[in-house]
Each structure stands twice: as structure tokens, then as C-alpha cells.
N, C-alpha and C. Protein backbone atom coordinates (compact mmCIF):
# COMPACT_ATOMS: atom_id res chain seq x y z
N MET A 1 -39.47 94.25 342.98
CA MET A 1 -38.62 92.64 342.30
C MET A 1 -38.23 91.59 343.37
N ASP A 2 -37.99 90.26 342.12
CA ASP A 2 -38.02 89.40 343.51
C ASP A 2 -36.02 89.26 343.49
N PRO A 3 -35.91 89.03 344.40
CA PRO A 3 -33.88 88.97 344.23
C PRO A 3 -33.82 87.56 342.87
N GLU A 4 -34.96 86.97 343.01
CA GLU A 4 -34.16 85.19 341.57
C GLU A 4 -34.55 86.23 340.57
N VAL A 5 -36.06 86.75 340.16
CA VAL A 5 -36.40 87.18 338.92
C VAL A 5 -35.15 88.66 338.46
N ALA A 6 -34.23 89.21 338.88
CA ALA A 6 -33.39 89.66 339.09
C ALA A 6 -32.05 89.54 338.90
N GLN A 7 -31.34 88.27 339.93
CA GLN A 7 -30.14 87.51 339.58
C GLN A 7 -30.26 86.78 337.87
N ILE A 8 -31.82 86.21 337.53
CA ILE A 8 -32.20 85.64 336.09
C ILE A 8 -31.83 86.93 335.36
N MET A 9 -32.34 88.17 335.49
CA MET A 9 -32.43 89.19 334.31
C MET A 9 -30.74 89.68 334.17
N SER A 10 -29.89 89.88 335.19
CA SER A 10 -28.68 90.19 335.16
C SER A 10 -28.00 88.76 334.15
N PHE A 11 -27.97 87.86 335.26
CA PHE A 11 -27.76 86.73 334.16
C PHE A 11 -27.39 86.88 332.37
N ILE A 12 -29.25 86.75 332.20
CA ILE A 12 -29.26 86.28 330.83
C ILE A 12 -29.35 87.69 329.93
N ILE A 13 -28.98 89.25 330.45
CA ILE A 13 -28.35 89.73 330.10
C ILE A 13 -26.89 90.33 329.64
N LYS A 14 -26.19 90.17 331.01
CA LYS A 14 -25.04 88.64 330.76
C LYS A 14 -24.94 88.33 329.29
N ILE A 15 -25.28 87.47 329.30
CA ILE A 15 -24.77 85.86 328.08
C ILE A 15 -25.46 86.81 326.79
N LEU A 16 -26.48 87.61 326.50
CA LEU A 16 -26.87 87.75 325.83
C LEU A 16 -25.78 88.27 324.53
N PRO A 17 -24.83 89.87 324.97
CA PRO A 17 -23.94 90.01 324.00
C PRO A 17 -23.62 88.28 323.28
N PHE A 18 -23.33 87.12 324.21
CA PHE A 18 -22.97 86.07 323.09
C PHE A 18 -23.56 85.12 323.06
N ILE A 19 -24.87 85.17 323.12
CA ILE A 19 -25.35 84.69 322.14
C ILE A 19 -25.99 85.07 320.26
N ALA A 20 -25.64 86.75 320.60
CA ALA A 20 -26.17 87.42 319.40
C ALA A 20 -24.33 86.81 318.45
N ILE A 21 -23.42 87.49 319.11
CA ILE A 21 -22.67 86.56 319.00
C ILE A 21 -22.34 85.23 317.98
N ILE A 22 -22.79 83.90 318.70
CA ILE A 22 -22.51 82.69 318.22
C ILE A 22 -24.09 82.43 317.00
N ALA A 23 -25.26 83.87 316.91
CA ALA A 23 -25.76 83.45 315.71
C ALA A 23 -25.62 84.35 314.69
N ALA A 24 -24.72 85.30 315.39
CA ALA A 24 -24.18 86.65 313.99
C ALA A 24 -22.77 85.60 312.94
N LEU A 25 -22.01 84.39 313.51
CA LEU A 25 -21.25 83.79 313.40
C LEU A 25 -21.84 82.75 312.57
N ALA A 26 -23.64 81.73 313.24
CA ALA A 26 -23.51 80.81 312.08
C ALA A 26 -24.08 81.30 311.08
N ILE A 27 -24.87 82.87 311.09
CA ILE A 27 -26.03 82.74 309.92
C ILE A 27 -24.39 83.25 309.08
N GLY A 28 -23.68 83.43 308.97
CA GLY A 28 -22.44 84.29 307.90
C GLY A 28 -21.47 83.38 308.14
N GLY A 29 -21.40 81.80 308.38
CA GLY A 29 -20.87 80.42 308.04
C GLY A 29 -22.10 79.52 307.20
N SER A 30 -23.27 80.54 307.28
CA SER A 30 -24.20 79.54 306.70
C SER A 30 -24.52 79.94 305.31
N LEU A 31 -23.78 81.97 305.33
CA LEU A 31 -23.65 82.39 304.05
C LEU A 31 -22.47 82.55 303.76
N LEU A 32 -21.33 81.93 303.84
CA LEU A 32 -20.09 81.71 303.32
C LEU A 32 -20.37 80.39 302.82
N GLN A 33 -21.13 79.54 302.84
CA GLN A 33 -21.16 78.39 302.45
C GLN A 33 -21.78 77.67 301.19
N THR A 34 -22.92 78.19 301.53
CA THR A 34 -23.81 78.68 300.25
C THR A 34 -23.60 79.45 298.62
N TRP A 35 -21.86 81.06 299.04
CA TRP A 35 -21.16 81.30 298.33
C TRP A 35 -20.65 80.65 297.52
N LEU A 36 -19.74 80.19 298.29
CA LEU A 36 -18.53 78.97 297.69
C LEU A 36 -19.30 77.29 297.04
N LYS A 37 -20.25 76.74 297.77
CA LYS A 37 -20.61 76.63 296.82
C LYS A 37 -21.35 77.00 295.27
N ILE A 38 -21.72 78.11 295.58
CA ILE A 38 -22.76 79.10 294.04
C ILE A 38 -21.01 79.03 293.38
N LYS A 39 -20.43 79.52 294.27
CA LYS A 39 -18.95 79.91 293.11
C LYS A 39 -17.96 78.73 291.79
N ASN A 40 -18.54 78.00 292.85
CA ASN A 40 -17.84 76.85 292.25
C ASN A 40 -18.45 75.63 291.87
N GLY A 41 -19.34 76.06 291.53
CA GLY A 41 -20.94 75.10 290.86
C GLY A 41 -21.36 74.23 291.94
N TYR A 42 -21.69 73.80 293.22
CA TYR A 42 -21.91 72.00 293.67
C TYR A 42 -23.04 72.55 293.13
N PRO A 43 -24.34 72.18 293.66
CA PRO A 43 -25.62 72.47 293.23
C PRO A 43 -26.25 72.86 295.46
N LEU A 44 -27.09 73.43 294.90
CA LEU A 44 -27.54 74.19 296.38
C LEU A 44 -28.55 73.18 296.74
N GLN A 45 -28.52 73.01 298.49
CA GLN A 45 -29.46 72.44 298.77
C GLN A 45 -30.95 72.12 298.98
N ASN A 46 -31.83 71.02 299.51
CA ASN A 46 -33.03 71.63 300.32
C ASN A 46 -33.16 71.90 301.75
N ALA A 47 -33.92 72.08 302.73
CA ALA A 47 -34.36 72.07 303.73
C ALA A 47 -33.55 70.32 304.15
N TRP A 48 -34.43 69.44 303.47
CA TRP A 48 -33.95 68.30 303.79
C TRP A 48 -32.90 67.72 303.31
N GLY A 49 -32.07 68.54 302.46
CA GLY A 49 -30.33 68.03 302.20
C GLY A 49 -30.37 67.36 301.54
N MET A 50 -31.92 67.84 300.18
CA MET A 50 -31.48 66.97 298.95
C MET A 50 -30.84 67.97 297.77
N ALA A 51 -30.39 67.73 296.69
CA ALA A 51 -29.76 69.08 295.60
C ALA A 51 -30.62 69.60 295.29
N ILE A 52 -31.18 70.96 294.65
CA ILE A 52 -32.24 71.02 294.11
C ILE A 52 -31.32 71.63 292.88
N HIS A 53 -31.23 71.01 291.74
CA HIS A 53 -30.92 72.17 290.30
C HIS A 53 -32.74 72.31 289.62
N PRO A 54 -31.47 73.16 288.52
CA PRO A 54 -32.72 73.92 287.74
C PRO A 54 -33.39 73.20 286.72
N ARG A 55 -35.05 73.09 286.63
CA ARG A 55 -35.55 72.97 286.31
C ARG A 55 -35.20 72.69 284.32
N ARG A 56 -35.32 71.53 283.43
CA ARG A 56 -35.06 71.40 282.40
C ARG A 56 -36.58 71.02 280.86
N ASP A 57 -36.59 72.26 280.09
CA ASP A 57 -37.87 71.78 279.58
C ASP A 57 -37.17 71.93 278.23
N GLU A 58 -37.88 71.69 277.37
CA GLU A 58 -36.94 71.02 275.61
C GLU A 58 -35.96 72.34 275.67
N GLU A 59 -36.25 73.81 276.07
CA GLU A 59 -35.69 74.88 274.97
C GLU A 59 -34.82 74.82 275.42
N THR A 60 -34.17 74.64 276.90
CA THR A 60 -32.92 74.14 277.52
C THR A 60 -32.37 73.26 277.19
N ILE A 61 -32.84 72.81 276.71
CA ILE A 61 -32.13 70.33 276.17
C ILE A 61 -31.85 70.86 274.96
N GLU A 62 -32.47 72.14 273.94
CA GLU A 62 -32.07 72.29 272.54
C GLU A 62 -30.86 73.30 272.52
N ARG A 63 -30.70 73.82 273.62
CA ARG A 63 -30.12 74.91 273.90
C ARG A 63 -28.42 74.40 274.33
N ILE A 64 -28.34 73.47 274.73
CA ILE A 64 -27.93 72.97 275.59
C ILE A 64 -26.92 71.41 274.50
N LYS A 65 -27.07 71.07 273.79
CA LYS A 65 -27.50 70.84 272.49
C LYS A 65 -26.05 71.45 271.36
N LEU A 66 -26.88 72.44 270.47
CA LEU A 66 -26.38 73.39 270.14
C LEU A 66 -24.98 74.01 270.85
N LEU A 67 -25.16 74.51 272.14
CA LEU A 67 -23.47 75.39 272.58
C LEU A 67 -22.73 73.67 272.56
N THR A 68 -22.88 72.29 272.81
CA THR A 68 -22.36 71.59 272.72
C THR A 68 -21.50 71.59 271.26
N SER A 69 -22.10 71.32 270.83
CA SER A 69 -22.05 71.16 269.03
C SER A 69 -21.12 71.98 268.27
N GLU A 70 -21.61 73.40 269.36
CA GLU A 70 -20.34 74.61 268.73
C GLU A 70 -19.45 74.44 269.36
N ASN A 71 -19.71 74.51 271.06
CA ASN A 71 -18.22 74.23 271.55
C ASN A 71 -17.08 73.10 271.02
N ALA A 72 -17.79 72.35 270.46
CA ALA A 72 -16.37 71.19 269.70
C ALA A 72 -15.87 71.71 267.97
N GLN A 73 -16.94 72.95 267.31
CA GLN A 73 -16.57 72.99 266.29
C GLN A 73 -15.42 74.22 266.87
N LEU A 74 -15.58 74.36 267.97
CA LEU A 74 -14.49 76.33 268.04
C LEU A 74 -13.22 74.92 268.06
N ARG A 75 -13.77 73.75 269.55
CA ARG A 75 -12.52 73.27 269.52
C ARG A 75 -11.22 72.47 268.34
N ALA A 76 -12.05 72.49 267.34
CA ALA A 76 -11.39 71.39 265.59
C ALA A 76 -11.05 72.58 265.34
N GLU A 77 -11.84 74.27 265.45
CA GLU A 77 -11.20 75.11 264.72
C GLU A 77 -9.26 75.70 265.59
N LEU A 78 -9.27 75.38 266.61
CA LEU A 78 -8.61 75.89 267.41
C LEU A 78 -7.12 75.32 267.05
N GLY A 79 -7.71 73.81 267.52
CA GLY A 79 -6.87 73.00 266.62
C GLY A 79 -5.97 73.22 265.38
N SER A 80 -6.79 73.45 264.82
CA SER A 80 -6.96 73.90 262.78
C SER A 80 -5.17 74.90 263.60
N VAL A 81 -5.79 76.09 264.03
CA VAL A 81 -5.49 77.81 264.22
C VAL A 81 -4.31 77.07 265.24
N LYS A 82 -4.40 76.29 266.06
CA LYS A 82 -2.47 75.96 266.28
C LYS A 82 -1.96 75.42 266.35
N ASP A 83 -2.13 74.55 264.67
CA ASP A 83 -0.82 74.14 264.20
C ASP A 83 -0.58 74.59 263.51
N ARG A 84 -1.40 76.17 262.97
CA ARG A 84 -1.18 76.39 261.24
C ARG A 84 -0.24 78.08 262.42
N LEU A 85 0.27 77.88 263.16
CA LEU A 85 0.74 78.34 263.98
C LEU A 85 1.64 77.56 263.90
N GLU A 86 2.05 76.64 264.50
CA GLU A 86 3.16 76.20 264.38
C GLU A 86 3.92 75.96 263.50
N THR A 87 3.42 75.87 262.58
CA THR A 87 3.71 75.75 261.07
C THR A 87 4.99 77.49 260.42
N VAL A 88 3.82 77.79 261.20
CA VAL A 88 4.19 79.87 260.94
C VAL A 88 5.63 79.90 261.76
N GLU A 89 5.75 79.67 263.15
CA GLU A 89 6.96 80.07 263.81
C GLU A 89 7.53 79.77 263.55
N ARG A 90 7.86 77.63 262.97
CA ARG A 90 9.13 77.50 262.28
C ARG A 90 9.51 78.01 261.28
N ILE A 91 8.88 78.97 260.70
CA ILE A 91 9.23 79.03 259.53
C ILE A 91 9.72 80.09 259.83
N VAL A 92 9.10 80.79 260.30
CA VAL A 92 10.21 82.53 260.89
C VAL A 92 10.89 82.16 261.87
N THR A 93 10.98 81.09 262.95
CA THR A 93 12.12 81.14 264.00
C THR A 93 13.66 80.30 262.71
N ASP A 94 12.87 79.65 261.46
CA ASP A 94 14.04 78.87 260.76
C ASP A 94 15.19 80.53 260.19
N GLN A 95 16.41 79.71 260.45
CA GLN A 95 17.48 79.74 259.78
C GLN A 95 16.89 80.96 257.88
N PRO A 96 16.91 81.86 257.05
CA PRO A 96 17.15 82.11 256.29
C PRO A 96 17.60 81.16 255.66
N HIS A 97 18.79 80.50 255.25
CA HIS A 97 19.44 79.41 254.22
C HIS A 97 18.74 78.86 254.50
N ARG A 98 18.91 77.50 255.27
CA ARG A 98 18.15 76.69 255.21
C ARG A 98 17.09 76.73 254.61
N LEU A 99 15.82 77.49 254.63
CA LEU A 99 15.13 77.41 254.38
C LEU A 99 14.73 78.23 252.71
N ALA A 100 15.74 78.89 252.25
CA ALA A 100 15.88 78.80 250.46
C ALA A 100 16.55 77.34 250.42
N ARG A 101 17.17 76.67 250.69
CA ARG A 101 17.94 76.13 250.42
C ARG A 101 16.35 74.35 250.05
N GLU A 102 15.65 74.31 251.50
CA GLU A 102 14.97 73.62 251.42
C GLU A 102 13.38 74.05 250.10
N ILE A 103 13.44 75.19 249.49
CA ILE A 103 12.41 75.97 248.62
C ILE A 103 13.52 75.37 247.30
N ASP A 104 14.85 75.64 247.29
CA ASP A 104 15.13 75.28 246.15
C ASP A 104 14.91 73.58 245.50
N ALA A 105 15.10 73.67 246.78
CA ALA A 105 15.28 71.68 246.36
C ALA A 105 14.33 70.70 246.04
N LEU A 106 12.78 72.12 246.74
CA LEU A 106 11.59 71.43 245.97
C LEU A 106 11.54 72.15 244.36
N ALA A 107 12.13 73.35 244.15
CA ALA A 107 11.68 73.75 243.10
C ALA A 107 12.85 72.90 241.52
N ILE A 108 13.81 72.47 242.26
CA ILE A 108 14.52 71.83 241.45
C ILE A 108 13.54 69.97 240.88
N ASP A 109 12.83 69.34 242.77
CA ASP A 109 12.78 67.83 242.61
C ASP A 109 11.27 68.02 241.56
N ASN A 110 10.86 69.49 241.38
CA ASN A 110 8.89 69.82 240.51
C ASN A 110 9.28 69.55 238.78
N GLY A 111 10.44 70.57 238.83
CA GLY A 111 11.00 71.10 237.74
C GLY A 111 11.59 69.31 236.56
N GLY A 112 12.76 68.55 237.92
CA GLY A 112 12.72 67.16 237.32
C GLY A 112 12.37 65.72 236.74
N ASN A 113 10.81 66.23 237.51
CA ASN A 113 10.23 65.50 236.81
C ASN A 113 9.29 66.15 236.09
N ALA A 114 8.89 66.80 235.78
CA ALA A 114 8.26 67.63 235.10
C ALA A 114 8.51 67.19 233.93
């Protein structure tokens, strides 16, 4: 074997692990970036850097509308439940004699007006 070829081969053999490490880090970084985008809701990109969005058909649009209206209804119901819970908490944490006075005052007002 020619000494120059032997030198080139030994050089390639010496730098081959570094090339493999750099390639592994690049692939791992790309996988980590894609995973973080998916996890945080960012759109993926194609080879040209354009965002890839899922196709929208009529069924998907209708499902989104239904879920949006259901979400609004549930939020309204949750607000109502919170108001009721505040009232119950106020009644429970109120001192008993104060609550009794308020009930008696309401009974007197209703009896006096009737």
C-alpha cells in the first residue's frame, strides 16, 4: 500500500468517531426540536420551511363548532356552580346567630307585609 494512502486512511479512521458523534448530536437535536414543537402545539414544517397543517374537511369543521359551543355551555355552567358554592361557603362559615337573625328578619318582613 502506498504510504500516502495509508496516511489518509489512518487520518480518516482517527476522525471517524468525531464525525459519528457530530452526526448523532445533529439527529438527536432534530428529534428533540420536533418533540418540543409537538408537545407545545407548534406546527411542524416541511423540507421548505412551510408549516404543515392538518387537512380540514366539513366533518372536522363541524366537530370544532360543536366542541366550541359545548365548551361555552360548560364554562357558563361552571360559573353558575362557582356562584352557588360561594353562597354555600358563606352560609357555612357565617356565624349561626347572625344567620338566625337574618332569617328572623326575613320572616318578620314577610309577615308584616302580608
